[in-house]
Amino acid sequence: MVQQLPKMAEGLDITETDDGLIVYQESTDRVHHLNPTAAVVLGMCDGTHTVEEIARVVGETFAVGEVPQRETEACVEDLAREQLVI
């Protein structure tokens, strides 16, 4: 289940790249490569934005005709499963 106000986990080392983000997660000693869409989603997971707000921003950022609600929820769920957001 998606958190209503998802928040980025602490202890992440984030590096921007031309095609998204590289995220090193010290707690699990894992490296994650996030595409541009997941990078926008993760960047908005600060505990103050709802998933609906994040979906609207994703839609505006990538100029899609319809708000990508389901896709954004799935992305937040994936990030939570990887312990990048709580």
PDB file of N, CA and C in Angstrom:
ATOM      1  N   MET A   1       0.839  -1.188   0.000  1.00  0.00           N
ATOM      2  CA  MET A   1       0.000   0.000   0.000  1.00  0.00           C
ATOM      3  C   MET A   1       0.884   1.252   0.000  1.00  0.00           C
ATOM      4  N   VAL A   2       0.499   2.213  -0.786  1.00  0.00           N
ATOM      5  CA  VAL A   2       1.263   3.453  -0.921  1.00  0.00           C
ATOM      6  C   VAL A   2       1.012   4.355   0.273  1.00  0.00           C
ATOM      7  N   GLN A   3       2.093   4.888   0.831  1.00  0.00           N
ATOM      8  CA  GLN A   3       1.968   5.860   1.910  1.00  0.00           C
ATOM      9  C   GLN A   3       1.307   7.122   1.364  1.00  0.00           C
ATOM     10  N   GLN A   4       0.458   7.761   2.148  1.00  0.00           N
ATOM     11  CA  GLN A   4      -0.231   8.957   1.687  1.00  0.00           C
ATOM     12  C   GLN A   4       0.736  10.124   1.486  1.00  0.00           C
ATOM     13  N   LEU A   5       1.728  10.255   2.383  1.00  0.00           N
ATOM     14  CA  LEU A   5       2.739  11.307   2.268  1.00  0.00           C
ATOM     15  C   LEU A   5       4.117  10.637   2.293  1.00  0.00           C
ATOM     16  N   PRO A   6       4.515  10.019   1.173  1.00  0.00           N
ATOM     17  CA  PRO A   6       5.784   9.280   1.172  1.00  0.00           C
ATOM     18  C   PRO A   6       6.972  10.202   1.439  1.00  0.00           C
ATOM     19  N   LYS A   7       7.951   9.631   2.142  1.00  0.00           N
ATOM     20  CA  LYS A   7       9.143  10.395   2.513  1.00  0.00           C
ATOM     21  C   LYS A   7      10.387   9.580   2.184  1.00  0.00           C
ATOM     22  N   MET A   8      11.367  10.247   1.609  1.00  0.00           N
ATOM     23  CA  MET A   8      12.627   9.600   1.264  1.00  0.00           C
ATOM     24  C   MET A   8      13.307   9.075   2.524  1.00  0.00           C
ATOM     25  N   ALA A   9      13.846   7.882   2.422  1.00  0.00           N
ATOM     26  CA  ALA A   9      14.566   7.292   3.552  1.00  0.00           C
ATOM     27  C   ALA A   9      15.825   8.098   3.832  1.00  0.00           C
ATOM     28  N   GLU A  10      16.295   8.035   5.071  1.00  0.00           N
ATOM     29  CA  GLU A  10      17.524   8.725   5.444  1.00  0.00           C
ATOM     30  C   GLU A  10      18.731   7.891   5.029  1.00  0.00           C
ATOM     31  N   GLY A  11      19.862   8.555   4.903  1.00  0.00           N
ATOM     32  CA  GLY A  11      21.115   7.858   4.625  1.00  0.00           C
ATOM     33  C   GLY A  11      21.318   7.481   3.173  1.00  0.00           C
ATOM     34  N   LEU A  12      20.655   8.168   2.249  1.00  0.00           N
ATOM     35  CA  LEU A  12      20.840   7.886   0.830  1.00  0.00           C
ATOM     36  C   LEU A  12      21.866   8.857   0.256  1.00  0.00           C
ATOM     37  N   ASP A  13      22.777   8.335  -0.527  1.00  0.00           N
ATOM     38  CA  ASP A  13      23.755   9.161  -1.235  1.00  0.00           C
ATOM     39  C   ASP A  13      23.274   9.242  -2.675  1.00  0.00           C
ATOM     40  N   ILE A  14      22.854  10.435  -3.112  1.00  0.00           N
ATOM     41  CA  ILE A  14      22.212  10.610  -4.410  1.00  0.00           C
ATOM     42  C   ILE A  14      23.115  11.403  -5.337  1.00  0.00           C
ATOM     43  N   THR A  15      23.322  10.859  -6.534  1.00  0.00           N
ATOM     44  CA  THR A  15      24.125  11.521  -7.556  1.00  0.00           C
ATOM     45  C   THR A  15      23.295  11.649  -8.829  1.00  0.00           C
ATOM     46  N   GLU A  16      23.187  12.880  -9.343  1.00  0.00           N
ATOM     47  CA  GLU A  16      22.467  13.101 -10.595  1.00  0.00           C
ATOM     48  C   GLU A  16      23.318  12.649 -11.770  1.00  0.00           C
ATOM     49  N   THR A  17      22.658  12.060 -12.757  1.00  0.00           N
ATOM     50  CA  THR A  17      23.316  11.677 -13.998  1.00  0.00           C
ATOM     51  C   THR A  17      22.494  12.235 -15.156  1.00  0.00           C
ATOM     52  N   ASP A  18      23.003  12.088 -16.375  1.00  0.00           N
ATOM     53  CA  ASP A  18      22.272  12.571 -17.545  1.00  0.00           C
ATOM     54  C   ASP A  18      20.939  11.861 -17.723  1.00  0.00           C
ATOM     55  N   ASP A  19      20.847  10.633 -17.234  1.00  0.00           N
ATOM     56  CA  ASP A  19      19.630   9.852 -17.457  1.00  0.00           C
ATOM     57  C   ASP A  19      18.929   9.453 -16.164  1.00  0.00           C
ATOM     58  N   GLY A  20      19.023  10.264 -15.129  1.00  0.00           N
ATOM     59  CA  GLY A  20      18.312   9.985 -13.889  1.00  0.00           C
ATOM     60  C   GLY A  20      19.176  10.184 -12.663  1.00  0.00           C
ATOM     61  N   LEU A  21      19.111   9.224 -11.755  1.00  0.00           N
ATOM     62  CA  LEU A  21      19.860   9.305 -10.502  1.00  0.00           C
ATOM     63  C   LEU A  21      20.538   7.977 -10.197  1.00  0.00           C
ATOM     64  N   ILE A  22      21.680   8.068  -9.551  1.00  0.00           N
ATOM     65  CA  ILE A  22      22.319   6.912  -8.942  1.00  0.00           C
ATOM     66  C   ILE A  22      22.144   7.106  -7.438  1.00  0.00           C
ATOM     67  N   VAL A  23      21.553   6.117  -6.782  1.00  0.00           N
ATOM     68  CA  VAL A  23      21.277   6.213  -5.351  1.00  0.00           C
ATOM     69  C   VAL A  23      22.004   5.079  -4.646  1.00  0.00           C
ATOM     70  N   TYR A  24      22.920   5.458  -3.745  1.00  0.00           N
ATOM     71  CA  TYR A  24      23.596   4.463  -2.913  1.00  0.00           C
ATOM     72  C   TYR A  24      22.886   4.423  -1.576  1.00  0.00           C
ATOM     73  N   GLN A  25      22.504   3.227  -1.183  1.00  0.00           N
ATOM     74  CA  GLN A  25      21.770   3.010   0.053  1.00  0.00           C
ATOM     75  C   GLN A  25      22.702   2.311   1.037  1.00  0.00           C
ATOM     76  N   GLU A  26      23.246   3.079   1.961  1.00  0.00           N
ATOM     77  CA  GLU A  26      24.233   2.547   2.894  1.00  0.00           C
ATOM     78  C   GLU A  26      23.669   1.419   3.762  1.00  0.00           C
ATOM     79  N   SER A  27      22.429   1.555   4.196  1.00  0.00           N
ATOM     80  CA  SER A  27      21.849   0.569   5.118  1.00  0.00           C
ATOM     81  C   SER A  27      21.789  -0.837   4.520  1.00  0.00           C
ATOM     82  N   THR A  28      21.704  -0.925   3.199  1.00  0.00           N
ATOM     83  CA  THR A  28      21.642  -2.238   2.537  1.00  0.00           C
ATOM     84  C   THR A  28      22.850  -2.484   1.635  1.00  0.00           C
ATOM     85  N   ASP A  29      23.730  -1.496   1.550  1.00  0.00           N
ATOM     86  CA  ASP A  29      24.899  -1.555   0.669  1.00  0.00           C
ATOM     87  C   ASP A  29      24.492  -1.864  -0.767  1.00  0.00           C
ATOM     88  N   ARG A  30      23.444  -1.157  -1.222  1.00  0.00           N
ATOM     89  CA  ARG A  30      22.937  -1.353  -2.581  1.00  0.00           C
ATOM     90  C   ARG A  30      23.014  -0.059  -3.362  1.00  0.00           C
ATOM     91  N   VAL A  31      23.154  -0.195  -4.678  1.00  0.00           N
ATOM     92  CA  VAL A  31      23.142   0.937  -5.592  1.00  0.00           C
ATOM     93  C   VAL A  31      21.920   0.791  -6.489  1.00  0.00           C
ATOM     94  N   HIS A  32      21.181   1.882  -6.649  1.00  0.00           N
ATOM     95  CA  HIS A  32      19.978   1.890  -7.478  1.00  0.00           C
ATOM     96  C   HIS A  32      20.171   2.916  -8.590  1.00  0.00           C
ATOM     97  N   HIS A  33      19.766   2.562  -9.800  1.00  0.00           N
ATOM     98  CA  HIS A  33      19.775   3.518 -10.905  1.00  0.00           C
ATOM     99  C   HIS A  33      18.330   3.859 -11.212  1.00  0.00           C
ATOM    100  N   LEU A  34      17.957   5.122 -11.008  1.00  0.00           N
ATOM    101  CA  LEU A  34      16.586   5.553 -11.247  1.00  0.00           C
ATOM    102  C   LEU A  34      16.497   6.310 -12.557  1.00  0.00           C
ATOM    103  N   ASN A  35      15.505   5.955 -13.369  1.00  0.00           N
ATOM    104  CA  ASN A  35      15.285   6.677 -14.621  1.00  0.00           C
ATOM    105  C   ASN A  35      14.731   8.066 -14.306  1.00  0.00           C
ATOM    106  N   PRO A  36      14.604   8.938 -15.304  1.00  0.00           N
ATOM    107  CA  PRO A  36      14.152  10.310 -15.025  1.00  0.00           C
ATOM    108  C   PRO A  36      12.800  10.392 -14.321  1.00  0.00           C
ATOM    109  N   THR A  37      11.880   9.512 -14.666  1.00  0.00           N
ATOM    110  CA  THR A  37      10.566   9.542 -14.019  1.00  0.00           C
ATOM    111  C   THR A  37      10.679   9.179 -12.548  1.00  0.00           C
ATOM    112  N   ALA A  38      11.361   8.096 -12.248  1.00  0.00           N
ATOM    113  CA  ALA A  38      11.537   7.685 -10.849  1.00  0.00           C
ATOM    114  C   ALA A  38      12.329   8.730 -10.075  1.00  0.00           C
ATOM    115  N   ALA A  39      13.244   9.425 -10.747  1.00  0.00           N
ATOM    116  CA  ALA A  39      14.018  10.482 -10.094  1.00  0.00           C
ATOM    117  C   ALA A  39      13.104  11.627  -9.657  1.00  0.00           C
ATOM    118  N   VAL A  40      12.167  12.004 -10.513  1.00  0.00           N
ATOM    119  CA  VAL A  40      11.213  13.064 -10.151  1.00  0.00           C
ATOM    120  C   VAL A  40      10.364  12.612  -8.975  1.00  0.00           C
ATOM    121  N   VAL A  41       9.891  11.374  -9.034  1.00  0.00           N
ATOM    122  CA  VAL A  41       9.054  10.851  -7.956  1.00  0.00           C
ATOM    123  C   VAL A  41       9.830  10.850  -6.642  1.00  0.00           C
ATOM    124  N   LEU A  42      11.036  10.290  -6.651  1.00  0.00           N
ATOM    125  CA  LEU A  42      11.831  10.246  -5.429  1.00  0.00           C
ATOM    126  C   LEU A  42      12.097  11.652  -4.891  1.00  0.00           C
ATOM    127  N   GLY A  43      12.410  12.576  -5.774  1.00  0.00           N
ATOM    128  CA  GLY A  43      12.699  13.947  -5.356  1.00  0.00           C
ATOM    129  C   GLY A  43      11.524  14.626  -4.669  1.00  0.00           C
ATOM    130  N   MET A  44      10.311  14.207  -5.003  1.00  0.00           N
ATOM    131  CA  MET A  44       9.124  14.807  -4.391  1.00  0.00           C
ATOM    132  C   MET A  44       8.698  14.090  -3.118  1.00  0.00           C
ATOM    133  N   CYS A  45       9.329  12.980  -2.813  1.00  0.00           N
ATOM    134  CA  CYS A  45       8.982  12.224  -1.601  1.00  0.00           C
ATOM    135  C   CYS A  45       9.676  12.854  -0.398  1.00  0.00           C
ATOM    136  N   ASP A  46       9.102  13.960   0.062  1.00  0.00           N
ATOM    137  CA  ASP A  46       9.693  14.676   1.190  1.00  0.00           C
ATOM    138  C   ASP A  46       8.763  14.707   2.403  1.00  0.00           C
ATOM    139  N   GLY A  47       7.692  13.918   2.334  1.00  0.00           N
ATOM    140  CA  GLY A  47       6.760  13.863   3.441  1.00  0.00           C
ATOM    141  C   GLY A  47       5.713  14.957   3.440  1.00  0.00           C
ATOM    142  N   THR A  48       5.731  15.838   2.422  1.00  0.00           N
ATOM    143  CA  THR A  48       4.752  16.926   2.355  1.00  0.00           C
ATOM    144  C   THR A  48       3.839  16.830   1.150  1.00  0.00           C
ATOM    145  N   HIS A  49       4.158  15.946   0.190  1.00  0.00           N
ATOM    146  CA  HIS A  49       3.363  15.813  -1.032  1.00  0.00           C
ATOM    147  C   HIS A  49       2.603  14.492  -1.035  1.00  0.00           C
ATOM    148  N   THR A  50       1.339  14.552  -1.431  1.00  0.00           N
ATOM    149  CA  THR A  50       0.572  13.326  -1.592  1.00  0.00           C
ATOM    150  C   THR A  50       0.980  12.661  -2.901  1.00  0.00           C
ATOM    151  N   VAL A  51       0.621  11.401  -3.036  1.00  0.00           N
ATOM    152  CA  VAL A  51       0.901  10.683  -4.278  1.00  0.00           C
ATOM    153  C   VAL A  51       0.158  11.356  -5.434  1.00  0.00           C
ATOM    154  N   GLU A  52      -1.022  11.881  -5.174  1.00  0.00           N
ATOM    155  CA  GLU A  52      -1.779  12.578  -6.218  1.00  0.00           C
ATOM    156  C   GLU A  52      -1.028  13.819  -6.692  1.00  0.00           C
ATOM    157  N   GLU A  53      -0.463  14.570  -5.760  1.00  0.00           N
ATOM    158  CA  GLU A  53       0.318  15.757  -6.134  1.00  0.00           C
ATOM    159  C   GLU A  53       1.556  15.352  -6.935  1.00  0.00           C
ATOM    160  N   ILE A  54       2.204  14.298  -6.499  1.00  0.00           N
ATOM    161  CA  ILE A  54       3.395  13.818  -7.210  1.00  0.00           C
ATOM    162  C   ILE A  54       3.011  13.406  -8.625  1.00  0.00           C
ATOM    163  N   ALA A  55       1.897  12.713  -8.778  1.00  0.00           N
ATOM    164  CA  ALA A  55       1.441  12.277 -10.103  1.00  0.00           C
ATOM    165  C   ALA A  55       1.169  13.469 -11.017  1.00  0.00           C
ATOM    166  N   ARG A  56       0.574  14.521 -10.472  1.00  0.00           N
ATOM    167  CA  ARG A  56       0.321  15.721 -11.283  1.00  0.00           C
ATOM    168  C   ARG A  56       1.632  16.338 -11.770  1.00  0.00           C
ATOM    169  N   VAL A  57       2.610  16.422 -10.885  1.00  0.00           N
ATOM    170  CA  VAL A  57       3.903  17.000 -11.268  1.00  0.00           C
ATOM    171  C   VAL A  57       4.587  16.115 -12.319  1.00  0.00           C
ATOM    172  N   VAL A  58       4.522  14.816 -12.155  1.00  0.00           N
ATOM    173  CA  VAL A  58       5.099  13.914 -13.152  1.00  0.00           C
ATOM    174  C   VAL A  58       4.433  14.141 -14.504  1.00  0.00           C
ATOM    175  N   GLY A  59       3.120  14.237 -14.508  1.00  0.00           N
ATOM    176  CA  GLY A  59       2.395  14.490 -15.756  1.00  0.00           C
ATOM    177  C   GLY A  59       2.797  15.800 -16.408  1.00  0.00           C
ATOM    178  N   GLU A  60       2.956  16.852 -15.599  1.00  0.00           N
ATOM    179  CA  GLU A  60       3.367  18.156 -16.122  1.00  0.00           C
ATOM    180  C   GLU A  60       4.816  18.124 -16.605  1.00  0.00           C
ATOM    181  N   THR A  61       5.688  17.482 -15.836  1.00  0.00           N
ATOM    182  CA  THR A  61       7.112  17.438 -16.175  1.00  0.00           C
ATOM    183  C   THR A  61       7.348  16.757 -17.513  1.00  0.00           C
ATOM    184  N   PHE A  62       6.603  15.674 -17.755  1.00  0.00           N
ATOM    185  CA  PHE A  62       6.821  14.898 -18.969  1.00  0.00           C
ATOM    186  C   PHE A  62       5.742  15.140 -20.018  1.00  0.00           C
ATOM    187  N   ALA A  63       4.909  16.160 -19.796  1.00  0.00           N
ATOM    188  CA  ALA A  63       3.888  16.606 -20.747  1.00  0.00           C
ATOM    189  C   ALA A  63       3.034  15.456 -21.280  1.00  0.00           C
ATOM    190  N   VAL A  64       2.535  14.652 -20.347  1.00  0.00           N
ATOM    191  CA  VAL A  64       1.617  13.585 -20.746  1.00  0.00           C
ATOM    192  C   VAL A  64       0.198  14.120 -20.625  1.00  0.00           C
ATOM    193  N   GLY A  65      -0.690  13.649 -21.470  1.00  0.00           N
ATOM    194  CA  GLY A  65      -2.046  14.181 -21.516  1.00  0.00           C
ATOM    195  C   GLY A  65      -2.873  13.885 -20.284  1.00  0.00           C
ATOM    196  N   GLU A  66      -2.652  12.749 -19.688  1.00  0.00           N
ATOM    197  CA  GLU A  66      -3.446  12.318 -18.549  1.00  0.00           C
ATOM    198  C   GLU A  66      -2.538  12.175 -17.331  1.00  0.00           C
ATOM    199  N   VAL A  67      -3.043  12.499 -16.165  1.00  0.00           N
ATOM    200  CA  VAL A  67      -2.251  12.357 -14.935  1.00  0.00           C
ATOM    201  C   VAL A  67      -1.918  10.874 -14.745  1.00  0.00           C
ATOM    202  N   PRO A  68      -0.634  10.536 -14.637  1.00  0.00           N
ATOM    203  CA  PRO A  68      -0.231   9.127 -14.514  1.00  0.00           C
ATOM    204  C   PRO A  68      -0.354   8.600 -13.079  1.00  0.00           C
ATOM    205  N   GLN A  69      -1.583   8.572 -12.576  1.00  0.00           N
ATOM    206  CA  GLN A  69      -1.835   8.195 -11.187  1.00  0.00           C
ATOM    207  C   GLN A  69      -1.368   6.766 -10.885  1.00  0.00           C
ATOM    208  N   ARG A  70      -1.844   5.797 -11.675  1.00  0.00           N
ATOM    209  CA  ARG A  70      -1.490   4.393 -11.408  1.00  0.00           C
ATOM    210  C   ARG A  70       0.002   4.165 -11.502  1.00  0.00           C
ATOM    211  N   GLU A  71       0.620   4.752 -12.526  1.00  0.00           N
ATOM    212  CA  GLU A  71       2.053   4.572 -12.729  1.00  0.00           C
ATOM    213  C   GLU A  71       2.853   5.182 -11.581  1.00  0.00           C
ATOM    214  N   THR A  72       2.408   6.342 -11.100  1.00  0.00           N
ATOM    215  CA  THR A  72       3.092   6.994  -9.988  1.00  0.00           C
ATOM    216  C   THR A  72       2.936   6.182  -8.709  1.00  0.00           C
ATOM    217  N   GLU A  73       1.734   5.674  -8.468  1.00  0.00           N
ATOM    218  CA  GLU A  73       1.525   4.814  -7.303  1.00  0.00           C
ATOM    219  C   GLU A  73       2.431   3.591  -7.368  1.00  0.00           C
ATOM    220  N   ALA A  74       2.540   2.989  -8.555  1.00  0.00           N
ATOM    221  CA  ALA A  74       3.405   1.814  -8.722  1.00  0.00           C
ATOM    222  C   ALA A  74       4.860   2.177  -8.464  1.00  0.00           C
ATOM    223  N   CYS A  75       5.280   3.346  -8.926  1.00  0.00           N
ATOM    224  CA  CYS A  75       6.660   3.789  -8.717  1.00  0.00           C
ATOM    225  C   CYS A  75       6.931   3.989  -7.229  1.00  0.00           C
ATOM    226  N   VAL A  76       6.012   4.639  -6.523  1.00  0.00           N
ATOM    227  CA  VAL A  76       6.191   4.855  -5.081  1.00  0.00           C
ATOM    228  C   VAL A  76       6.230   3.506  -4.363  1.00  0.00           C
ATOM    229  N   GLU A  77       5.379   2.580  -4.770  1.00  0.00           N
ATOM    230  CA  GLU A  77       5.392   1.239  -4.172  1.00  0.00           C
ATOM    231  C   GLU A  77       6.736   0.552  -4.397  1.00  0.00           C
ATOM    232  N   ASP A  78       7.268   0.671  -5.616  1.00  0.00           N
ATOM    233  CA  ASP A  78       8.585   0.083  -5.913  1.00  0.00           C
ATOM    234  C   ASP A  78       9.677   0.723  -5.056  1.00  0.00           C
ATOM    235  N   LEU A  79       9.644   2.046  -4.940  1.00  0.00           N
ATOM    236  CA  LEU A  79      10.634   2.741  -4.122  1.00  0.00           C
ATOM    237  C   LEU A  79      10.518   2.330  -2.655  1.00  0.00           C
ATOM    238  N   ALA A  80       9.292   2.135  -2.184  1.00  0.00           N
ATOM    239  CA  ALA A  80       9.082   1.688  -0.801  1.00  0.00           C
ATOM    240  C   ALA A  80       9.581   0.257  -0.622  1.00  0.00           C
ATOM    241  N   ARG A  81       9.326  -0.594  -1.603  1.00  0.00           N
ATOM    242  CA  ARG A  81       9.785  -1.982  -1.525  1.00  0.00           C
ATOM    243  C   ARG A  81      11.313  -2.042  -1.452  1.00  0.00           C
ATOM    244  N   GLU A  82      11.971  -1.117  -2.126  1.00  0.00           N
ATOM    245  CA  GLU A  82      13.437  -1.044  -2.107  1.00  0.00           C
ATOM    246  C   GLU A  82      13.959  -0.259  -0.902  1.00  0.00           C
ATOM    247  N   GLN A  83      13.056   0.186  -0.053  1.00  0.00           N
ATOM    248  CA  GLN A  83      13.357   0.945   1.159  1.00  0.00           C
ATOM    249  C   GLN A  83      13.996   2.313   0.879  1.00  0.00           C
ATOM    250  N   LEU A  84      13.677   2.873  -0.280  1.00  0.00           N
ATOM    251  CA  LEU A  84      14.152   4.218  -0.606  1.00  0.00           C
ATOM    252  C   LEU A  84      13.188   5.277  -0.089  1.00  0.00           C
ATOM    253  N   VAL A  85      11.926   4.909   0.087  1.00  0.00           N
ATOM    254  CA  VAL A  85      10.941   5.805   0.705  1.00  0.00           C
ATOM    255  C   VAL A  85      10.224   5.040   1.808  1.00  0.00           C
ATOM    256  N   ILE A  86       9.745   5.809   2.773  1.00  0.00           N
ATOM    257  CA  ILE A  86       8.994   5.205   3.880  1.00  0.00           C
ATOM    258  C   ILE A  86       7.610   5.822   3.926  1.00  0.00           C
TER     259      ILE A  86
END
